[in-house]
C-alpha atoms as a PDB file:
ATOM      1  CA  MET A   1      -3.800  -7.980 -17.779  1.00  0.00           C
ATOM      2  CA  THR A   2      -4.170 -10.631 -15.142  1.00  0.00           C
ATOM      3  CA  ALA A   3      -2.567  -9.895 -11.796  1.00  0.00           C
ATOM      4  CA  MET A   4      -0.097 -12.552 -10.723  1.00  0.00           C
ATOM      5  CA  ILE A   5       0.112 -11.029  -7.228  1.00  0.00           C
ATOM      6  CA  GLU A   6      -2.389  -8.744  -5.492  1.00  0.00           C
ATOM      7  CA  VAL A   7      -1.632  -6.878  -2.289  1.00  0.00           C
ATOM      8  CA  LYS A   8      -4.617  -5.068  -0.807  1.00  0.00           C
ATOM      9  CA  ASP A   9      -4.342  -2.574   2.075  1.00  0.00           C
ATOM     10  CA  VAL A  10      -1.603  -4.588   3.799  1.00  0.00           C
ATOM     11  CA  SER A  11      -0.094  -3.418   7.079  1.00  0.00           C
ATOM     12  CA  LYS A  12       2.587  -5.072   9.223  1.00  0.00           C
ATOM     13  CA  ALA A  13       4.196  -3.995  12.495  1.00  0.00           C
ATOM     14  CA  PHE A  14       6.843  -5.510  14.732  1.00  0.00           C
ATOM     15  CA  GLY A  15       6.679  -4.598  18.401  1.00  0.00           C
ATOM     16  CA  GLY A  16       4.876  -1.341  17.701  1.00  0.00           C
ATOM     17  CA  ILE A  17       7.205  -0.384  14.852  1.00  0.00           C
ATOM     18  CA  ILE A  18       5.321  -0.209  11.573  1.00  0.00           C
ATOM     19  CA  ALA A  19       7.162  -1.994   8.752  1.00  0.00           C
ATOM     20  CA  ASN A  20       4.371  -1.598   6.196  1.00  0.00           C
ATOM     21  CA  ASN A  21       1.490   0.823   6.480  1.00  0.00           C
ATOM     22  CA  THR A  22      -1.429   0.182   4.134  1.00  0.00           C
ATOM     23  CA  ILE A  23       0.299  -1.001   0.949  1.00  0.00           C
ATOM     24  CA  SER A  24      -1.638  -1.992  -2.183  1.00  0.00           C
ATOM     25  CA  LEU A  25       0.064  -3.390  -5.260  1.00  0.00           C
ATOM     26  CA  ASP A  26      -0.883  -5.441  -8.313  1.00  0.00           C
ATOM     27  CA  VAL A  27       1.802  -7.275 -10.270  1.00  0.00           C
ATOM     28  CA  PRO A  28       0.464  -8.030 -13.759  1.00  0.00           C
ATOM     29  CA  GLU A  29       1.797 -10.730 -16.095  1.00  0.00           C
ATOM     30  CA  GLY A  30       5.046  -9.931 -17.884  1.00  0.00           C
ATOM     31  CA  ARG A  31       5.911  -6.785 -15.929  1.00  0.00           C
ATOM     32  CA  VAL A  32       9.034  -5.742 -14.119  1.00  0.00           C
ATOM     33  CA  THR A  33       8.079  -3.758 -11.013  1.00  0.00           C
ATOM     34  CA  GLY A  34      10.495  -1.806  -8.830  1.00  0.00           C
ATOM     35  CA  LEU A  35      10.027  -1.192  -5.110  1.00  0.00           C
ATOM     36  CA  ILE A  36      11.800   1.920  -3.952  1.00  0.00           C
ATOM     37  CA  GLY A  37      12.058   3.217  -0.396  1.00  0.00           C
ATOM     38  CA  PRO A  38      14.539   4.038   2.312  1.00  0.00           C
ATOM     39  CA  ASN A  39      16.201   1.326   4.394  1.00  0.00           C
ATOM     40  CA  GLY A  40      13.853   0.043   7.046  1.00  0.00           C
ATOM     41  CA  SER A  41      10.690   1.038   5.184  1.00  0.00           C
ATOM     42  CA  GLY A  42       9.378  -2.558   4.930  1.00  0.00           C
ATOM     43  CA  LYS A  43      10.295  -3.605   1.386  1.00  0.00           C
ATOM     44  CA  THR A  44      11.862  -6.895   2.483  1.00  0.00           C
ATOM     45  CA  THR A  45       8.974  -7.470   4.913  1.00  0.00           C
ATOM     46  CA  LEU A  46       6.605  -7.177   1.935  1.00  0.00           C
ATOM     47  CA  PHE A  47       8.577  -9.868   0.102  1.00  0.00           C
ATOM     48  CA  LYS A  48       8.390 -12.070   3.185  1.00  0.00           C
ATOM     49  CA  MET A  49       4.619 -11.667   3.178  1.00  0.00           C
ATOM     50  CA  LEU A  50       4.491 -12.566  -0.528  1.00  0.00           C
ATOM     51  CA  THR A  51       6.451 -15.757   0.157  1.00  0.00           C
ATOM     52  CA  GLY A  52       4.432 -16.671   3.293  1.00  0.00           C
ATOM     53  CA  GLN A  53       7.329 -16.180   5.694  1.00  0.00           C
ATOM     54  CA  GLU A  54       5.345 -13.377   7.382  1.00  0.00           C
ATOM     55  CA  THR A  55       1.607 -12.708   7.577  1.00  0.00           C
ATOM     56  CA  PRO A  56       0.063  -9.280   7.341  1.00  0.00           C
ATOM     57  CA  ASP A  57      -1.541  -7.761  10.431  1.00  0.00           C
ATOM     58  CA  LYS A  58      -4.217  -6.253   8.186  1.00  0.00           C
ATOM     59  CA  GLY A  59      -5.154  -6.571   4.545  1.00  0.00           C
ATOM     60  CA  LYS A  60      -4.729  -9.412   2.098  1.00  0.00           C
ATOM     61  CA  VAL A  61      -1.971 -10.910  -0.058  1.00  0.00           C
ATOM     62  CA  VAL A  62      -3.109 -13.071  -2.970  1.00  0.00           C
ATOM     63  CA  VAL A  63      -0.588 -15.013  -5.016  1.00  0.00           C
ATOM     64  CA  GLY A  64      -2.133 -16.507  -8.174  1.00  0.00           C
ATOM     65  CA  ASP A  65      -2.592 -20.280  -8.510  1.00  0.00           C
ATOM     66  CA  SER A  66      -0.248 -20.425 -11.533  1.00  0.00           C
ATOM     67  CA  VAL A  67       2.517 -18.491  -9.790  1.00  0.00           C
ATOM     68  CA  HIS A  68       5.837 -20.208  -9.127  1.00  0.00           C
ATOM     69  CA  LEU A  69       7.859 -17.808  -6.998  1.00  0.00           C
ATOM     70  CA  GLY A  70      11.603 -17.506  -7.166  1.00  0.00           C
ATOM     71  CA  TYR A  71      13.008 -15.465  -4.277  1.00  0.00           C
ATOM     72  CA  VAL A  72      16.536 -14.116  -4.120  1.00  0.00           C
ATOM     73  CA  ASP A  73      16.906 -12.591  -0.681  1.00  0.00           C
ATOM     74  CA  GLN A  74      19.663 -10.267   0.558  1.00  0.00           C
ATOM     75  CA  SER A  75      21.205 -12.724   2.981  1.00  0.00           C
ATOM     76  CA  ARG A  76      21.913 -15.604   0.622  1.00  0.00           C
ATOM     77  CA  ASP A  77      21.565 -17.875   3.686  1.00  0.00           C
ATOM     78  CA  ALA A  78      20.126 -20.699   1.572  1.00  0.00           C
ATOM     79  CA  LEU A  79      23.602 -21.464   0.182  1.00  0.00           C
ATOM     80  CA  ASN A  80      25.684 -24.333   1.583  1.00  0.00           C
ATOM     81  CA  PRO A  81      29.176 -22.927   2.316  1.00  0.00           C
ATOM     82  CA  ASN A  82      30.736 -26.421   2.054  1.00  0.00           C
ATOM     83  CA  ASN A  83      29.576 -27.055  -1.522  1.00  0.00           C
ATOM     84  CA  THR A  84      31.539 -26.079  -4.570  1.00  0.00           C
ATOM     85  CA  VAL A  85      29.974 -23.514  -6.887  1.00  0.00           C
ATOM     86  CA  TRP A  86      29.116 -26.263  -9.373  1.00  0.00           C
ATOM     87  CA  GLU A  87      27.585 -28.540  -6.706  1.00  0.00           C
ATOM     88  CA  GLU A  88      25.511 -25.681  -5.276  1.00  0.00           C
ATOM     89  CA  ILE A  89      24.129 -24.599  -8.634  1.00  0.00           C
ATOM     90  CA  SER A  90      23.743 -27.988 -10.324  1.00  0.00           C
ATOM     91  CA  GLY A  91      22.880 -30.146  -7.353  1.00  0.00           C
ATOM     92  CA  GLY A  92      25.574 -32.520  -8.662  1.00  0.00           C
ATOM     93  CA  ALA A  93      23.799 -33.180 -11.963  1.00  0.00           C
ATOM     94  CA  GLU A  94      25.783 -33.024 -15.194  1.00  0.00           C
ATOM     95  CA  VAL A  95      22.601 -32.080 -17.066  1.00  0.00           C
ATOM     96  CA  ILE A  96      19.913 -29.640 -15.894  1.00  0.00           C
ATOM     97  CA  TYR A  97      16.620 -28.662 -17.496  1.00  0.00           C
ATOM     98  CA  LEU A  98      15.621 -25.082 -18.228  1.00  0.00           C
ATOM     99  CA  ASP A  99      12.278 -24.510 -19.933  1.00  0.00           C
ATOM    100  CA  ASP A 100      12.230 -28.202 -20.885  1.00  0.00           C
ATOM    101  CA  LYS A 101      15.638 -27.820 -22.567  1.00  0.00           C
ATOM    102  CA  GLU A 102      18.518 -30.054 -21.592  1.00  0.00           C
ATOM    103  CA  ILE A 103      21.597 -27.978 -20.697  1.00  0.00           C
ATOM    104  CA  ASN A 104      25.055 -29.019 -19.556  1.00  0.00           C
ATOM    105  CA  SER A 105      25.300 -27.877 -15.946  1.00  0.00           C
ATOM    106  CA  ARG A 106      28.909 -26.679 -16.312  1.00  0.00           C
ATOM    107  CA  ALA A 107      27.903 -24.526 -19.301  1.00  0.00           C
ATOM    108  CA  TYR A 108      25.074 -23.127 -17.200  1.00  0.00           C
ATOM    109  CA  CYS A 109      27.534 -22.243 -14.423  1.00  0.00           C
ATOM    110  CA  SER A 110      29.780 -20.611 -17.019  1.00  0.00           C
ATOM    111  CA  SER A 111      26.887 -18.378 -18.125  1.00  0.00           C
ATOM    112  CA  PHE A 112      27.029 -16.879 -14.596  1.00  0.00           C
ATOM    113  CA  ASN A 113      30.768 -16.213 -15.070  1.00  0.00           C
ATOM    114  CA  PHE A 114      31.923 -19.313 -13.149  1.00  0.00           C
ATOM    115  CA  LYS A 115      34.314 -20.811 -15.687  1.00  0.00           C
ATOM    116  CA  GLY A 116      36.838 -23.605 -15.322  1.00  0.00           C
ATOM    117  CA  ALA A 117      38.417 -23.816 -11.864  1.00  0.00           C
ATOM    118  CA  ALA A 118      36.023 -21.177 -10.489  1.00  0.00           C
ATOM    119  CA  GLN A 119      33.321 -23.864 -10.458  1.00  0.00           C
ATOM    120  CA  GLN A 120      35.371 -25.807  -7.865  1.00  0.00           C
ATOM    121  CA  ALA A 121      35.649 -22.916  -5.398  1.00  0.00           C
ATOM    122  CA  LYS A 122      33.858 -23.476  -2.108  1.00  0.00           C
ATOM    123  CA  VAL A 123      30.771 -21.292  -1.703  1.00  0.00           C
ATOM    124  CA  GLY A 124      31.944 -20.265   1.781  1.00  0.00           C
ATOM    125  CA  ASP A 125      35.100 -18.748   0.279  1.00  0.00           C
ATOM    126  CA  LEU A 126      33.284 -16.554  -2.279  1.00  0.00           C
ATOM    127  CA  SER A 127      32.852 -12.793  -2.196  1.00  0.00           C
ATOM    128  CA  GLY A 128      29.425 -11.271  -1.708  1.00  0.00           C
ATOM    129  CA  GLY A 129      29.013 -10.660  -5.447  1.00  0.00           C
ATOM    130  CA  GLN A 130      30.030 -14.220  -6.293  1.00  0.00           C
ATOM    131  CA  ARG A 131      27.554 -15.617  -3.719  1.00  0.00           C
ATOM    132  CA  ASN A 132      24.870 -13.399  -5.254  1.00  0.00           C
ATOM    133  CA  ARG A 133      25.583 -14.910  -8.700  1.00  0.00           C
ATOM    134  CA  VAL A 134      25.350 -18.452  -7.261  1.00  0.00           C
ATOM    135  CA  HIS A 135      22.031 -17.640  -5.603  1.00  0.00           C
ATOM    136  CA  LEU A 136      20.664 -16.067  -8.820  1.00  0.00           C
ATOM    137  CA  ALA A 137      21.740 -19.133 -10.821  1.00  0.00           C
ATOM    138  CA  LYS A 138      19.989 -21.488  -8.403  1.00  0.00           C
ATOM    139  CA  VAL A 139      16.745 -19.527  -8.353  1.00  0.00           C
ATOM    140  CA  LEU A 140      16.627 -19.010 -12.115  1.00  0.00           C
ATOM    141  CA  LYS A 141      17.228 -22.739 -12.662  1.00  0.00           C
ATOM    142  CA  LYS A 142      13.975 -23.581 -10.830  1.00  0.00           C
ATOM    143  CA  GLY A 143      11.768 -22.109 -13.533  1.00  0.00           C
ATOM    144  CA  ALA A 144       9.961 -19.445 -11.534  1.00  0.00           C
ATOM    145  CA  ASN A 145       7.462 -17.317 -13.456  1.00  0.00           C
ATOM    146  CA  VAL A 146       7.572 -14.561 -10.802  1.00  0.00           C
ATOM    147  CA  LEU A 147      10.941 -13.441  -9.465  1.00  0.00           C
ATOM    148  CA  LEU A 148      11.281 -11.554  -6.215  1.00  0.00           C
ATOM    149  CA  LEU A 149      14.761  -9.975  -6.214  1.00  0.00           C
ATOM    150  CA  ASP A 150      15.811  -8.219  -3.003  1.00  0.00           C
ATOM    151  CA  GLU A 151      18.784  -5.989  -3.719  1.00  0.00           C
ATOM    152  CA  PRO A 152      20.051  -8.281  -6.531  1.00  0.00           C
ATOM    153  CA  THR A 153      22.698  -5.774  -7.609  1.00  0.00           C
ATOM    154  CA  ASN A 154      24.511  -5.688  -4.244  1.00  0.00           C
ATOM    155  CA  ASP A 155      28.172  -6.601  -4.692  1.00  0.00           C
ATOM    156  CA  LEU A 156      27.858  -7.316  -8.430  1.00  0.00           C
ATOM    157  CA  ASP A 157      30.637  -6.396 -10.825  1.00  0.00           C
ATOM    158  CA  THR A 158      29.705  -4.415 -13.947  1.00  0.00           C
ATOM    159  CA  GLU A 159      29.805  -7.478 -16.229  1.00  0.00           C
ATOM    160  CA  THR A 160      27.387  -9.440 -14.058  1.00  0.00           C
ATOM    161  CA  LEU A 161      25.191  -6.358 -13.592  1.00  0.00           C
ATOM    162  CA  ALA A 162      24.926  -6.027 -17.367  1.00  0.00           C
ATOM    163  CA  ALA A 163      24.099  -9.743 -17.661  1.00  0.00           C
ATOM    164  CA  LEU A 164      21.371  -9.375 -15.017  1.00  0.00           C
ATOM    165  CA  GLU A 165      19.878  -6.403 -16.848  1.00  0.00           C
ATOM    166  CA  ASP A 166      19.853  -8.363 -20.133  1.00  0.00           C
ATOM    167  CA  ALA A 167      18.266 -11.372 -18.429  1.00  0.00           C
ATOM    168  CA  LEU A 168      15.490  -9.246 -16.928  1.00  0.00           C
ATOM    169  CA  GLU A 169      14.787  -7.544 -20.258  1.00  0.00           C
ATOM    170  CA  ASN A 170      14.330 -10.970 -21.876  1.00  0.00           C
ATOM    171  CA  TYR A 171      12.578 -12.643 -18.942  1.00  0.00           C
ATOM    172  CA  ALA A 172       9.091 -13.862 -19.947  1.00  0.00           C
ATOM    173  CA  GLY A 173       7.673 -13.823 -16.434  1.00  0.00           C
ATOM    174  CA  CYS A 174       7.194 -11.106 -13.831  1.00  0.00           C
ATOM    175  CA  ALA A 175       9.884  -9.592 -11.689  1.00  0.00           C
ATOM    176  CA  VAL A 176       9.527  -7.495  -8.573  1.00  0.00           C
ATOM    177  CA  ILE A 177      12.820  -5.845  -7.628  1.00  0.00           C
ATOM    178  CA  ILE A 178      13.974  -4.044  -4.527  1.00  0.00           C
ATOM    179  CA  SER A 179      17.010  -1.958  -5.446  1.00  0.00           C
ATOM    180  CA  HIS A 180      18.923   1.201  -4.713  1.00  0.00           C
ATOM    181  CA  ASP A 181      20.555   0.765  -8.122  1.00  0.00           C
ATOM    182  CA  ARG A 182      19.069   1.522 -11.536  1.00  0.00           C
END
């Protein structure tokens, strides 16, 4: 199998505190990979190196030429609190394209359990789990073939957690997941 991402002997420290100490990892096509470790062990730092937000002190990170990363971080800072759920997910378009298929944007929002009036709620007024669903919907809409999911199950209700599990089982690309959940 071809590796979509290769991490070779990567180390990263911040002010003398080691976040990552000699990590190596290959992410092959079509695999779901879990990263497990205690809080503060450098899992999120590794994701930041994969996305280019951080650079390793030592070692090498290679992201394949055909890779289109989709990154769902823990903070969900990329969301505009003044937008409605529908505006944030759809960008204001009535029709969106997923895998070259035309889809009604309101139906797409509904598939993330934002139905009817819930699509008009302001993002800034949402709970953590609802914000997580908005962020997931935005990232998945972009057509990434490698998903980086940092604690995607935080604050999710059981219905949305089941939907996420189903989506990952049927996802044709790669997924690398940081989670304390199953």
